[in-house]
Amino acid sequence: MKTSVVLALLALIATPMLADATPDGASIFKAKCAMCHGPDGSGQTAMGKSLRIRALGSAEVQKQTDAELTNIITNGKNKMLPYKGKLTSEEIRALVGHIRTFRR
């Protein structure tokens, strides 16, 4: 009986922790991407304009598959630095999901 009480308590404690473990794509974008891509993904920042960054909501970006976007974030492209080792695969997946919210 004691074991079942302990397991029930652990389940109650762990459940909120698991819910918090889901990365927030919007927060990651704000912290890691918005300085170049802009808070709205338009690329209309000083850095974005100088690098001629495409708007993340554009058809050109949005037609890319999740795997292609994941590869670009992970390994970088052109002047965009790679985030491999800086973001987890779950964080990158959440970031790709957030990029999809810019769809026009």
N, C-alpha and C. Protein backbone atom coordinates (compact mmCIF):
# COMPACT_ATOMS: atom_id res chain seq x y z
N MET A 1 0.83 -1.19 0.00
CA MET A 1 0.00 0.00 0.00
C MET A 1 0.87 1.25 0.00
N LYS A 2 1.95 1.20 0.77
CA LYS A 2 2.85 2.34 0.83
C LYS A 2 3.43 2.68 -0.56
N THR A 3 3.76 1.66 -1.31
CA THR A 3 4.33 1.86 -2.64
C THR A 3 3.35 2.56 -3.56
N SER A 4 2.09 2.19 -3.49
CA SER A 4 1.10 2.83 -4.38
C SER A 4 0.91 4.31 -4.03
N VAL A 5 1.02 4.65 -2.76
CA VAL A 5 0.89 6.05 -2.36
C VAL A 5 2.09 6.84 -2.88
N VAL A 6 3.26 6.26 -2.77
CA VAL A 6 4.47 6.93 -3.26
C VAL A 6 4.40 7.12 -4.77
N LEU A 7 3.96 6.09 -5.49
CA LEU A 7 3.83 6.19 -6.94
C LEU A 7 2.80 7.25 -7.34
N ALA A 8 1.71 7.32 -6.61
CA ALA A 8 0.68 8.32 -6.90
C ALA A 8 1.23 9.73 -6.67
N LEU A 9 1.98 9.91 -5.60
CA LEU A 9 2.58 11.22 -5.33
C LEU A 9 3.59 11.60 -6.40
N LEU A 10 4.41 10.64 -6.81
CA LEU A 10 5.38 10.91 -7.87
C LEU A 10 4.69 11.29 -9.17
N ALA A 11 3.59 10.63 -9.48
CA ALA A 11 2.83 10.95 -10.69
C ALA A 11 2.28 12.37 -10.61
N LEU A 12 1.80 12.78 -9.45
CA LEU A 12 1.28 14.13 -9.29
C LEU A 12 2.37 15.18 -9.43
N ILE A 13 3.54 14.86 -8.93
CA ILE A 13 4.66 15.79 -9.01
C ILE A 13 5.22 15.85 -10.43
N ALA A 14 5.35 14.71 -11.09
CA ALA A 14 5.98 14.64 -12.40
C ALA A 14 5.11 15.19 -13.51
N THR A 15 3.80 15.08 -13.41
CA THR A 15 2.91 15.51 -14.49
C THR A 15 3.10 16.98 -14.85
N PRO A 16 3.09 17.91 -13.89
CA PRO A 16 3.33 19.31 -14.27
C PRO A 16 4.72 19.54 -14.84
N MET A 17 5.70 18.79 -14.38
CA MET A 17 7.05 18.93 -14.89
C MET A 17 7.12 18.49 -16.35
N LEU A 18 6.39 17.43 -16.69
CA LEU A 18 6.37 16.97 -18.07
C LEU A 18 5.68 17.99 -18.96
N ALA A 19 4.64 18.60 -18.48
CA ALA A 19 3.93 19.61 -19.26
C ALA A 19 4.84 20.81 -19.53
N ASP A 20 5.65 21.18 -18.56
CA ASP A 20 6.57 22.31 -18.72
C ASP A 20 7.75 21.97 -19.62
N ALA A 21 7.98 20.67 -19.87
CA ALA A 21 9.13 20.25 -20.66
C ALA A 21 8.93 20.52 -22.15
N THR A 22 7.72 20.81 -22.59
CA THR A 22 7.47 21.09 -24.00
C THR A 22 8.03 22.47 -24.34
N PRO A 23 8.98 22.51 -25.28
CA PRO A 23 9.58 23.80 -25.64
C PRO A 23 8.55 24.75 -26.26
N ASP A 24 8.71 26.02 -25.99
CA ASP A 24 7.84 27.06 -26.52
C ASP A 24 8.53 27.69 -27.73
N GLY A 25 8.03 27.37 -28.92
CA GLY A 25 8.63 27.87 -30.15
C GLY A 25 8.68 29.38 -30.23
N ALA A 26 7.63 30.05 -29.73
CA ALA A 26 7.59 31.52 -29.77
C ALA A 26 8.69 32.12 -28.91
N SER A 27 8.90 31.56 -27.74
CA SER A 27 9.95 32.07 -26.85
C SER A 27 11.34 31.82 -27.43
N ILE A 28 11.52 30.66 -28.03
CA ILE A 28 12.80 30.34 -28.64
C ILE A 28 13.06 31.31 -29.80
N PHE A 29 12.03 31.54 -30.61
CA PHE A 29 12.16 32.46 -31.75
C PHE A 29 12.55 33.85 -31.26
N LYS A 30 11.86 34.31 -30.23
CA LYS A 30 12.14 35.65 -29.69
C LYS A 30 13.59 35.75 -29.21
N ALA A 31 14.08 34.70 -28.55
CA ALA A 31 15.42 34.73 -27.98
C ALA A 31 16.53 34.52 -29.01
N LYS A 32 16.27 33.68 -30.02
CA LYS A 32 17.35 33.26 -30.92
C LYS A 32 17.24 33.80 -32.35
N CYS A 33 16.04 34.18 -32.78
CA CYS A 33 15.83 34.45 -34.20
C CYS A 33 15.37 35.87 -34.51
N ALA A 34 14.61 36.46 -33.60
CA ALA A 34 13.96 37.75 -33.88
C ALA A 34 14.94 38.88 -34.15
N MET A 35 16.16 38.79 -33.62
CA MET A 35 17.11 39.87 -33.84
C MET A 35 17.44 40.03 -35.32
N CYS A 36 17.38 38.97 -36.10
CA CYS A 36 17.60 39.07 -37.54
C CYS A 36 16.29 38.97 -38.33
N HIS A 37 15.45 38.03 -37.96
CA HIS A 37 14.22 37.77 -38.71
C HIS A 37 13.07 38.71 -38.32
N GLY A 38 13.23 39.45 -37.23
CA GLY A 38 12.18 40.34 -36.76
C GLY A 38 11.13 39.59 -35.96
N PRO A 39 10.45 40.25 -35.05
CA PRO A 39 9.47 39.58 -34.20
C PRO A 39 8.31 38.98 -34.98
N ASP A 40 8.05 39.52 -36.18
CA ASP A 40 6.97 39.01 -37.01
C ASP A 40 7.46 38.11 -38.14
N GLY A 41 8.77 37.81 -38.15
CA GLY A 41 9.35 36.95 -39.16
C GLY A 41 9.53 37.59 -40.52
N SER A 42 9.31 38.90 -40.62
CA SER A 42 9.36 39.59 -41.91
C SER A 42 10.79 39.85 -42.41
N GLY A 43 11.77 39.77 -41.51
CA GLY A 43 13.15 40.07 -41.88
C GLY A 43 13.43 41.55 -41.97
N GLN A 44 12.50 42.37 -41.52
CA GLN A 44 12.65 43.83 -41.63
C GLN A 44 13.39 44.40 -40.41
N THR A 45 14.59 43.90 -40.20
CA THR A 45 15.49 44.43 -39.18
C THR A 45 16.73 44.93 -39.91
N ALA A 46 17.57 45.66 -39.23
CA ALA A 46 18.80 46.14 -39.86
C ALA A 46 19.61 44.95 -40.39
N MET A 47 19.77 43.93 -39.57
CA MET A 47 20.54 42.75 -39.98
C MET A 47 19.80 42.00 -41.08
N GLY A 48 18.50 41.86 -40.93
CA GLY A 48 17.71 41.15 -41.93
C GLY A 48 17.77 41.82 -43.30
N LYS A 49 17.70 43.13 -43.29
CA LYS A 49 17.78 43.88 -44.56
C LYS A 49 19.16 43.75 -45.18
N SER A 50 20.20 43.85 -44.36
CA SER A 50 21.56 43.77 -44.91
C SER A 50 21.85 42.37 -45.46
N LEU A 51 21.25 41.35 -44.88
CA LEU A 51 21.47 39.98 -45.35
C LEU A 51 20.42 39.54 -46.37
N ARG A 52 19.46 40.42 -46.63
CA ARG A 52 18.37 40.12 -47.58
C ARG A 52 17.62 38.86 -47.18
N ILE A 53 17.26 38.80 -45.92
CA ILE A 53 16.54 37.65 -45.38
C ILE A 53 15.12 37.62 -45.94
N ARG A 54 14.71 36.45 -46.38
CA ARG A 54 13.34 36.29 -46.87
C ARG A 54 12.37 36.28 -45.70
N ALA A 55 11.18 36.79 -45.93
CA ALA A 55 10.13 36.75 -44.91
C ALA A 55 9.76 35.29 -44.65
N LEU A 56 9.70 34.93 -43.38
CA LEU A 56 9.39 33.54 -43.02
C LEU A 56 7.97 33.15 -43.39
N GLY A 57 7.10 34.14 -43.59
CA GLY A 57 5.73 33.86 -44.00
C GLY A 57 5.56 33.76 -45.51
N SER A 58 6.63 34.02 -46.26
CA SER A 58 6.55 34.00 -47.72
C SER A 58 6.30 32.59 -48.23
N ALA A 59 5.71 32.52 -49.41
CA ALA A 59 5.43 31.22 -50.03
C ALA A 59 6.73 30.43 -50.22
N GLU A 60 7.79 31.13 -50.55
CA GLU A 60 9.09 30.49 -50.78
C GLU A 60 9.59 29.74 -49.54
N VAL A 61 9.42 30.35 -48.38
CA VAL A 61 9.85 29.70 -47.13
C VAL A 61 8.83 28.66 -46.70
N GLN A 62 7.56 29.01 -46.76
CA GLN A 62 6.52 28.12 -46.27
C GLN A 62 6.36 26.85 -47.09
N LYS A 63 6.80 26.86 -48.37
CA LYS A 63 6.70 25.65 -49.18
C LYS A 63 7.75 24.61 -48.79
N GLN A 64 8.76 25.05 -48.03
CA GLN A 64 9.78 24.10 -47.58
C GLN A 64 9.17 23.13 -46.58
N THR A 65 9.63 21.90 -46.63
CA THR A 65 9.13 20.90 -45.70
C THR A 65 9.68 21.16 -44.29
N ASP A 66 9.04 20.54 -43.31
CA ASP A 66 9.55 20.65 -41.94
C ASP A 66 10.99 20.12 -41.87
N ALA A 67 11.27 19.07 -42.62
CA ALA A 67 12.62 18.50 -42.62
C ALA A 67 13.63 19.50 -43.20
N GLU A 68 13.24 20.23 -44.25
CA GLU A 68 14.14 21.22 -44.83
C GLU A 68 14.39 22.37 -43.86
N LEU A 69 13.33 22.85 -43.21
CA LEU A 69 13.50 23.93 -42.23
C LEU A 69 14.34 23.46 -41.05
N THR A 70 14.10 22.23 -40.61
CA THR A 70 14.89 21.66 -39.51
C THR A 70 16.36 21.61 -39.89
N ASN A 71 16.65 21.20 -41.11
CA ASN A 71 18.03 21.12 -41.58
C ASN A 71 18.69 22.50 -41.61
N ILE A 72 17.96 23.50 -42.07
CA ILE A 72 18.51 24.86 -42.13
C ILE A 72 18.81 25.37 -40.72
N ILE A 73 17.88 25.17 -39.80
CA ILE A 73 18.09 25.64 -38.42
C ILE A 73 19.25 24.86 -37.79
N THR A 74 19.29 23.57 -38.01
CA THR A 74 20.31 22.72 -37.40
C THR A 74 21.70 23.02 -37.95
N ASN A 75 21.81 23.09 -39.27
CA ASN A 75 23.12 23.17 -39.90
C ASN A 75 23.49 24.54 -40.45
N GLY A 76 22.54 25.48 -40.41
CA GLY A 76 22.79 26.81 -40.94
C GLY A 76 22.65 26.83 -42.45
N LYS A 77 22.63 28.03 -43.00
CA LYS A 77 22.55 28.20 -44.46
C LYS A 77 23.05 29.59 -44.78
N ASN A 78 23.91 29.66 -45.77
CA ASN A 78 24.52 30.93 -46.15
C ASN A 78 25.14 31.58 -44.91
N LYS A 79 24.68 32.77 -44.52
CA LYS A 79 25.28 33.45 -43.36
C LYS A 79 24.61 33.10 -42.05
N MET A 80 23.52 32.31 -42.11
CA MET A 80 22.85 31.90 -40.88
C MET A 80 23.68 30.81 -40.20
N LEU A 81 24.02 31.06 -38.97
CA LEU A 81 24.83 30.11 -38.22
C LEU A 81 24.01 28.90 -37.80
N PRO A 82 24.65 27.74 -37.64
CA PRO A 82 23.92 26.53 -37.23
C PRO A 82 23.56 26.58 -35.74
N TYR A 83 22.46 25.95 -35.42
CA TYR A 83 22.03 25.84 -34.03
C TYR A 83 22.20 24.43 -33.49
N LYS A 84 22.89 23.59 -34.24
CA LYS A 84 23.21 22.24 -33.78
C LYS A 84 24.05 22.35 -32.51
N GLY A 85 23.63 21.67 -31.47
CA GLY A 85 24.34 21.73 -30.20
C GLY A 85 23.93 22.90 -29.33
N LYS A 86 23.20 23.85 -29.91
CA LYS A 86 22.72 25.00 -29.14
C LYS A 86 21.25 24.86 -28.80
N LEU A 87 20.52 24.17 -29.67
CA LEU A 87 19.10 23.88 -29.45
C LEU A 87 18.90 22.38 -29.53
N THR A 88 18.01 21.85 -28.73
CA THR A 88 17.69 20.43 -28.80
C THR A 88 16.81 20.16 -30.02
N SER A 89 16.67 18.91 -30.40
CA SER A 89 15.80 18.57 -31.52
C SER A 89 14.36 18.96 -31.22
N GLU A 90 13.95 18.86 -29.95
CA GLU A 90 12.60 19.26 -29.55
C GLU A 90 12.42 20.77 -29.69
N GLU A 91 13.44 21.53 -29.33
CA GLU A 91 13.37 22.99 -29.47
C GLU A 91 13.32 23.39 -30.94
N ILE A 92 14.09 22.70 -31.77
CA ILE A 92 14.07 23.00 -33.20
C ILE A 92 12.71 22.65 -33.79
N ARG A 93 12.13 21.53 -33.37
CA ARG A 93 10.80 21.15 -33.84
C ARG A 93 9.78 22.21 -33.44
N ALA A 94 9.87 22.71 -32.22
CA ALA A 94 8.95 23.76 -31.76
C ALA A 94 9.17 25.05 -32.56
N LEU A 95 10.40 25.33 -32.90
CA LEU A 95 10.72 26.52 -33.69
C LEU A 95 10.14 26.41 -35.10
N VAL A 96 10.25 25.25 -35.71
CA VAL A 96 9.64 25.03 -37.03
C VAL A 96 8.14 25.23 -36.93
N GLY A 97 7.52 24.71 -35.88
CA GLY A 97 6.09 24.92 -35.68
C GLY A 97 5.74 26.39 -35.58
N HIS A 98 6.58 27.16 -34.90
CA HIS A 98 6.34 28.60 -34.77
C HIS A 98 6.51 29.30 -36.12
N ILE A 99 7.49 28.89 -36.90
CA ILE A 99 7.68 29.47 -38.22
C ILE A 99 6.44 29.26 -39.07
N ARG A 100 5.75 28.16 -38.89
CA ARG A 100 4.52 27.88 -39.65
C ARG A 100 3.42 28.91 -39.29
N THR A 101 3.49 29.52 -38.14
CA THR A 101 2.46 30.49 -37.77
C THR A 101 2.58 31.79 -38.57
N PHE A 102 3.71 31.98 -39.26
CA PHE A 102 3.91 33.19 -40.06
C PHE A 102 3.29 33.06 -41.45
N ARG A 103 2.75 31.87 -41.75
CA ARG A 103 2.15 31.61 -43.08
C ARG A 103 1.16 32.69 -43.42
N ARG A 104 1.22 33.22 -44.61
CA ARG A 104 0.33 34.30 -45.06
C ARG A 104 -0.91 33.74 -45.69
